[in-house]
């Protein structure tokens, strides 16, 4: 079994859902009901502006953590920009678009960048 088909961390996924507000506008938000899932998470290095944000004058009061999250290939959902992940008791937001790796069938997978501010 490939590492792409296993996850070692328990997470709760709150996929993006479309809702209609009281004015009739369709908006997206994280769903209120989470989906338990297994995932692999790796810390992602930061450079440039992201790294400098940690060194601003509010040092010690705010921080930014960035991880890469990958679900087993059997995970049936694609996550949108409003999706959230609960991991180790903290909420993380999906940042940016999914990253698709499509070089071969054996190594094809999708991963996401998640952030906590």
N, C-alpha and C. Protein backbone atom coordinates (compact mmCIF):
# COMPACT_ATOMS: atom_id res chain seq x y z
N UNK A 1 0.85 -1.18 0.00
CA UNK A 1 0.00 0.00 0.00
C UNK A 1 0.89 1.24 0.00
N UNK A 2 0.57 2.17 -0.83
CA UNK A 2 1.34 3.39 -1.00
C UNK A 2 1.10 4.36 0.15
N UNK A 3 2.09 5.19 0.44
CA UNK A 3 1.90 6.26 1.41
C UNK A 3 0.83 7.24 0.95
N UNK A 4 0.57 7.27 -0.35
CA UNK A 4 -0.47 8.15 -0.88
C UNK A 4 -1.87 7.65 -0.54
N UNK A 5 -1.96 6.43 -0.04
CA UNK A 5 -3.26 5.84 0.28
C UNK A 5 -3.49 5.71 1.78
N UNK A 6 -2.63 6.32 2.58
CA UNK A 6 -2.77 6.24 4.04
C UNK A 6 -2.67 7.63 4.64
N UNK A 7 -3.25 7.76 5.79
CA UNK A 7 -3.11 8.99 6.56
C UNK A 7 -2.84 8.61 8.00
N UNK A 8 -2.06 9.41 8.70
CA UNK A 8 -1.72 9.06 10.08
C UNK A 8 -2.37 9.98 11.10
N UNK A 9 -2.97 11.07 10.65
CA UNK A 9 -3.58 12.04 11.56
C UNK A 9 -5.09 12.05 11.39
N UNK A 10 -5.79 12.13 12.51
CA UNK A 10 -7.25 12.28 12.50
C UNK A 10 -7.58 13.76 12.34
N UNK A 11 -8.40 14.08 11.36
CA UNK A 11 -8.85 15.45 11.14
C UNK A 11 -10.36 15.45 10.92
N UNK A 12 -10.94 16.62 11.03
CA UNK A 12 -12.34 16.81 10.67
C UNK A 12 -12.36 17.85 9.55
N UNK A 13 -12.98 17.50 8.44
CA UNK A 13 -13.02 18.35 7.26
C UNK A 13 -14.39 19.03 7.20
N UNK A 14 -14.37 20.34 7.05
CA UNK A 14 -15.59 21.12 6.87
C UNK A 14 -15.56 21.66 5.43
N UNK A 15 -16.14 20.90 4.49
CA UNK A 15 -16.06 21.31 3.08
C UNK A 15 -16.83 22.61 2.83
N UNK A 16 -16.51 23.21 1.71
CA UNK A 16 -17.21 24.43 1.31
C UNK A 16 -18.63 24.09 0.89
N UNK A 17 -19.58 24.93 1.30
CA UNK A 17 -20.96 24.75 0.87
C UNK A 17 -21.53 26.09 0.43
N UNK A 18 -22.49 26.05 -0.47
CA UNK A 18 -23.15 27.26 -0.95
C UNK A 18 -24.44 27.45 -0.17
N UNK A 19 -24.66 28.67 0.30
CA UNK A 19 -25.88 29.02 1.02
C UNK A 19 -26.45 30.31 0.43
N UNK A 20 -27.74 30.49 0.60
CA UNK A 20 -28.39 31.71 0.14
C UNK A 20 -28.70 32.56 1.36
N UNK A 21 -28.22 33.82 1.36
CA UNK A 21 -28.48 34.69 2.50
C UNK A 21 -29.88 35.30 2.40
N UNK A 22 -30.24 36.11 3.39
CA UNK A 22 -31.61 36.65 3.45
C UNK A 22 -31.94 37.58 2.29
N UNK A 23 -30.91 38.09 1.60
CA UNK A 23 -31.13 38.96 0.44
C UNK A 23 -31.17 38.19 -0.87
N UNK A 24 -31.02 36.87 -0.80
CA UNK A 24 -31.06 36.05 -2.00
C UNK A 24 -29.72 35.85 -2.68
N UNK A 25 -28.65 36.31 -2.06
CA UNK A 25 -27.31 36.14 -2.63
C UNK A 25 -26.76 34.77 -2.27
N UNK A 26 -26.13 34.12 -3.23
CA UNK A 26 -25.51 32.82 -2.97
C UNK A 26 -24.08 33.08 -2.52
N UNK A 27 -23.74 32.53 -1.36
CA UNK A 27 -22.41 32.71 -0.78
C UNK A 27 -21.85 31.35 -0.40
N UNK A 28 -20.55 31.29 -0.27
CA UNK A 28 -19.92 30.04 0.17
C UNK A 28 -19.40 30.22 1.58
N UNK A 29 -19.36 29.11 2.30
CA UNK A 29 -18.86 29.10 3.68
C UNK A 29 -18.48 27.67 4.02
N UNK A 30 -17.74 27.47 5.12
CA UNK A 30 -17.47 26.10 5.55
C UNK A 30 -18.76 25.47 6.06
N UNK A 31 -18.95 24.21 5.78
CA UNK A 31 -20.17 23.54 6.26
C UNK A 31 -20.17 23.50 7.78
N UNK A 32 -21.34 23.41 8.34
CA UNK A 32 -21.46 23.35 9.80
C UNK A 32 -21.22 21.95 10.33
N UNK A 33 -21.32 20.96 9.45
CA UNK A 33 -21.12 19.56 9.85
C UNK A 33 -19.81 19.07 9.25
N UNK A 34 -18.95 18.54 10.11
CA UNK A 34 -17.65 18.06 9.65
C UNK A 34 -17.66 16.60 9.25
N UNK A 35 -16.67 16.24 8.45
CA UNK A 35 -16.49 14.87 7.99
C UNK A 35 -15.19 14.34 8.58
N UNK A 36 -15.23 13.31 9.42
CA UNK A 36 -13.98 12.74 9.95
C UNK A 36 -13.17 12.12 8.81
N UNK A 37 -11.86 12.31 8.86
CA UNK A 37 -10.98 11.77 7.82
C UNK A 37 -9.59 11.56 8.39
N UNK A 38 -8.81 10.78 7.67
CA UNK A 38 -7.39 10.60 7.98
C UNK A 38 -6.60 11.41 6.96
N UNK A 39 -5.47 11.96 7.37
CA UNK A 39 -4.66 12.76 6.45
C UNK A 39 -3.21 12.73 6.89
N UNK A 40 -2.34 13.09 5.96
CA UNK A 40 -0.93 13.31 6.26
C UNK A 40 -0.68 14.80 6.23
N UNK A 41 0.02 15.31 7.21
CA UNK A 41 0.34 16.73 7.27
C UNK A 41 1.84 16.90 7.39
N UNK A 42 2.36 17.90 6.68
CA UNK A 42 3.78 18.22 6.74
C UNK A 42 3.92 19.73 6.87
N UNK A 43 4.83 20.15 7.73
CA UNK A 43 5.08 21.58 7.84
C UNK A 43 5.63 22.07 6.51
N UNK A 44 5.22 23.25 6.13
CA UNK A 44 5.67 23.82 4.86
C UNK A 44 6.56 25.01 5.16
N UNK A 45 7.74 25.03 4.56
CA UNK A 45 8.66 26.14 4.75
C UNK A 45 8.09 27.42 4.17
N UNK A 46 8.46 28.53 4.79
CA UNK A 46 7.98 29.83 4.33
C UNK A 46 9.17 30.70 3.97
N UNK A 47 8.97 31.53 3.00
CA UNK A 47 10.01 32.48 2.64
C UNK A 47 9.35 33.78 2.22
N UNK A 48 10.12 34.80 2.12
CA UNK A 48 9.59 36.07 1.65
C UNK A 48 8.61 36.70 2.62
N UNK A 49 7.53 37.21 2.10
CA UNK A 49 6.56 37.97 2.88
C UNK A 49 5.98 37.16 4.03
N UNK A 50 5.67 35.89 3.80
CA UNK A 50 5.09 35.06 4.87
C UNK A 50 6.02 34.97 6.06
N UNK A 51 7.30 34.76 5.81
CA UNK A 51 8.26 34.65 6.90
C UNK A 51 8.43 35.99 7.61
N UNK A 52 8.43 37.08 6.87
CA UNK A 52 8.60 38.40 7.49
C UNK A 52 7.41 38.77 8.36
N UNK A 53 6.23 38.27 8.03
CA UNK A 53 5.06 38.57 8.85
C UNK A 53 5.26 38.11 10.28
N UNK A 54 6.03 37.05 10.46
CA UNK A 54 6.25 36.54 11.81
C UNK A 54 7.20 37.42 12.60
N UNK A 55 7.95 38.28 11.91
CA UNK A 55 8.95 39.12 12.58
C UNK A 55 8.48 40.55 12.77
N UNK A 56 7.21 40.82 12.64
CA UNK A 56 6.71 42.18 12.78
C UNK A 56 6.68 42.58 14.24
N UNK A 57 6.28 43.83 14.48
CA UNK A 57 6.33 44.38 15.82
C UNK A 57 5.36 43.73 16.81
N UNK A 58 4.44 42.95 16.34
CA UNK A 58 3.52 42.27 17.26
C UNK A 58 4.03 40.86 17.58
N UNK A 59 5.32 40.73 17.59
CA UNK A 59 5.96 39.44 17.84
C UNK A 59 5.48 38.85 19.17
N UNK A 60 5.14 37.60 19.14
CA UNK A 60 4.68 36.92 20.33
C UNK A 60 3.18 36.94 20.51
N UNK A 61 2.51 37.83 19.82
CA UNK A 61 1.06 37.94 19.94
C UNK A 61 0.33 37.28 18.79
N UNK A 62 0.95 37.29 17.62
CA UNK A 62 0.35 36.67 16.45
C UNK A 62 1.39 35.80 15.78
N UNK A 63 0.95 34.74 15.21
CA UNK A 63 1.85 33.88 14.47
C UNK A 63 1.12 33.26 13.30
N UNK A 64 1.87 32.73 12.39
CA UNK A 64 1.26 32.10 11.22
C UNK A 64 1.94 30.76 11.01
N UNK A 65 1.18 29.72 10.97
CA UNK A 65 1.70 28.38 10.70
C UNK A 65 1.13 27.90 9.38
N UNK A 66 1.95 27.22 8.60
CA UNK A 66 1.52 26.73 7.29
C UNK A 66 1.89 25.26 7.18
N UNK A 67 0.92 24.43 6.80
CA UNK A 67 1.14 23.00 6.59
C UNK A 67 0.60 22.60 5.23
N UNK A 68 1.12 21.51 4.74
CA UNK A 68 0.59 20.87 3.55
C UNK A 68 -0.20 19.66 4.03
N UNK A 69 -1.42 19.48 3.53
CA UNK A 69 -2.25 18.36 3.95
C UNK A 69 -2.61 17.52 2.71
N UNK A 70 -2.51 16.22 2.89
CA UNK A 70 -2.84 15.29 1.79
C UNK A 70 -3.73 14.19 2.35
N UNK A 71 -4.84 13.98 1.69
CA UNK A 71 -5.77 12.92 2.07
C UNK A 71 -5.47 11.68 1.24
N UNK A 72 -5.88 10.50 1.71
CA UNK A 72 -5.73 9.30 0.86
C UNK A 72 -6.45 9.51 -0.47
N UNK A 73 -5.97 8.85 -1.48
CA UNK A 73 -6.56 9.04 -2.81
C UNK A 73 -8.02 8.61 -2.86
N UNK A 74 -8.46 7.83 -1.89
CA UNK A 74 -9.86 7.41 -1.84
C UNK A 74 -10.78 8.51 -1.27
N UNK A 75 -10.21 9.59 -0.76
CA UNK A 75 -11.02 10.69 -0.21
C UNK A 75 -11.86 11.29 -1.33
N UNK A 76 -13.19 11.29 -1.20
CA UNK A 76 -14.05 11.62 -2.35
C UNK A 76 -14.32 13.11 -2.58
N UNK A 77 -13.77 13.99 -1.75
CA UNK A 77 -14.12 15.41 -1.83
C UNK A 77 -12.96 16.24 -2.37
N UNK A 78 -13.29 17.27 -3.14
CA UNK A 78 -12.33 18.32 -3.49
C UNK A 78 -12.69 19.52 -2.64
N UNK A 79 -11.70 20.11 -1.99
CA UNK A 79 -11.97 21.21 -1.07
C UNK A 79 -11.85 22.55 -1.76
N UNK A 80 -12.78 23.44 -1.47
CA UNK A 80 -12.75 24.79 -2.00
C UNK A 80 -12.07 25.75 -1.04
N UNK A 81 -11.99 26.99 -1.44
CA UNK A 81 -11.25 28.00 -0.67
C UNK A 81 -11.91 28.33 0.67
N UNK A 82 -13.17 28.03 0.85
CA UNK A 82 -13.85 28.30 2.11
C UNK A 82 -13.83 27.09 3.06
N UNK A 83 -13.25 26.00 2.64
CA UNK A 83 -13.20 24.80 3.49
C UNK A 83 -12.29 25.05 4.68
N UNK A 84 -12.55 24.34 5.75
CA UNK A 84 -11.71 24.40 6.95
C UNK A 84 -11.41 22.99 7.43
N UNK A 85 -10.31 22.89 8.16
CA UNK A 85 -9.85 21.62 8.72
C UNK A 85 -9.71 21.81 10.23
N UNK A 86 -10.22 20.85 10.99
CA UNK A 86 -9.94 20.85 12.43
C UNK A 86 -8.91 19.77 12.68
N UNK A 87 -7.79 20.17 13.27
CA UNK A 87 -6.68 19.25 13.51
C UNK A 87 -6.10 19.56 14.88
N UNK A 88 -6.03 18.55 15.72
CA UNK A 88 -5.51 18.69 17.08
C UNK A 88 -6.19 19.82 17.85
N UNK A 89 -7.51 19.92 17.66
CA UNK A 89 -8.30 20.88 18.41
C UNK A 89 -8.27 22.30 17.88
N UNK A 90 -7.60 22.54 16.76
CA UNK A 90 -7.53 23.89 16.20
C UNK A 90 -8.10 23.91 14.79
N UNK A 91 -8.70 25.05 14.43
CA UNK A 91 -9.25 25.23 13.08
C UNK A 91 -8.18 25.81 12.17
N UNK A 92 -8.09 25.24 10.98
CA UNK A 92 -7.16 25.68 9.94
C UNK A 92 -7.98 26.02 8.71
N UNK A 93 -7.52 26.99 7.93
CA UNK A 93 -8.22 27.37 6.70
C UNK A 93 -7.44 26.86 5.50
N UNK A 94 -8.17 26.47 4.47
CA UNK A 94 -7.54 26.07 3.21
C UNK A 94 -7.09 27.35 2.52
N UNK A 95 -5.84 27.37 2.08
CA UNK A 95 -5.26 28.56 1.46
C UNK A 95 -4.94 28.26 0.00
N UNK A 96 -5.55 28.99 -0.89
CA UNK A 96 -5.26 28.80 -2.31
C UNK A 96 -6.03 27.63 -2.91
N UNK A 97 -5.62 27.28 -4.11
CA UNK A 97 -6.27 26.20 -4.86
C UNK A 97 -5.61 24.87 -4.56
N UNK A 98 -6.29 23.76 -4.87
CA UNK A 98 -5.67 22.44 -4.71
C UNK A 98 -4.43 22.32 -5.60
N UNK A 99 -3.47 21.54 -5.15
CA UNK A 99 -2.28 21.23 -5.95
C UNK A 99 -2.46 19.83 -6.52
N UNK A 100 -2.48 19.73 -7.84
CA UNK A 100 -2.69 18.45 -8.51
C UNK A 100 -1.35 17.90 -8.98
N UNK A 101 -1.07 16.66 -8.62
CA UNK A 101 0.14 15.96 -9.08
C UNK A 101 -0.33 14.85 -10.01
N UNK A 102 0.01 14.97 -11.29
CA UNK A 102 -0.58 14.08 -12.30
C UNK A 102 0.46 13.38 -13.17
N UNK A 103 1.69 13.23 -12.69
CA UNK A 103 2.73 12.65 -13.53
C UNK A 103 2.48 11.20 -13.91
N UNK A 104 1.96 10.42 -12.99
CA UNK A 104 1.67 9.02 -13.31
C UNK A 104 0.48 8.56 -12.47
N UNK A 105 -0.14 7.46 -12.87
CA UNK A 105 -1.28 6.94 -12.10
C UNK A 105 -0.84 6.53 -10.70
N UNK A 106 0.36 6.00 -10.58
CA UNK A 106 0.81 5.52 -9.27
C UNK A 106 1.12 6.63 -8.29
N UNK A 107 1.50 7.79 -8.80
CA UNK A 107 1.85 8.88 -7.89
C UNK A 107 0.87 10.05 -7.94
N UNK A 108 -0.19 9.93 -8.71
CA UNK A 108 -1.16 11.02 -8.81
C UNK A 108 -1.85 11.24 -7.47
N UNK A 109 -1.96 12.50 -7.07
CA UNK A 109 -2.66 12.85 -5.84
C UNK A 109 -2.95 14.35 -5.83
N UNK A 110 -3.70 14.77 -4.83
CA UNK A 110 -4.05 16.17 -4.64
C UNK A 110 -3.66 16.54 -3.22
N UNK A 111 -3.05 17.71 -3.05
CA UNK A 111 -2.83 18.20 -1.69
C UNK A 111 -3.22 19.67 -1.60
N UNK A 112 -3.27 20.16 -0.37
CA UNK A 112 -3.74 21.51 -0.09
C UNK A 112 -2.77 22.17 0.87
N UNK A 113 -2.78 23.49 0.86
CA UNK A 113 -2.04 24.26 1.85
C UNK A 113 -3.06 24.76 2.87
N UNK A 114 -2.74 24.58 4.15
CA UNK A 114 -3.62 25.08 5.20
C UNK A 114 -2.84 26.04 6.09
N UNK A 115 -3.54 27.03 6.62
CA UNK A 115 -2.91 28.04 7.47
C UNK A 115 -3.72 28.23 8.74
N UNK A 116 -3.00 28.62 9.77
CA UNK A 116 -3.63 29.06 11.03
C UNK A 116 -2.98 30.39 11.38
N UNK A 117 -3.80 31.38 11.59
CA UNK A 117 -3.28 32.72 11.88
C UNK A 117 -3.26 32.98 13.36
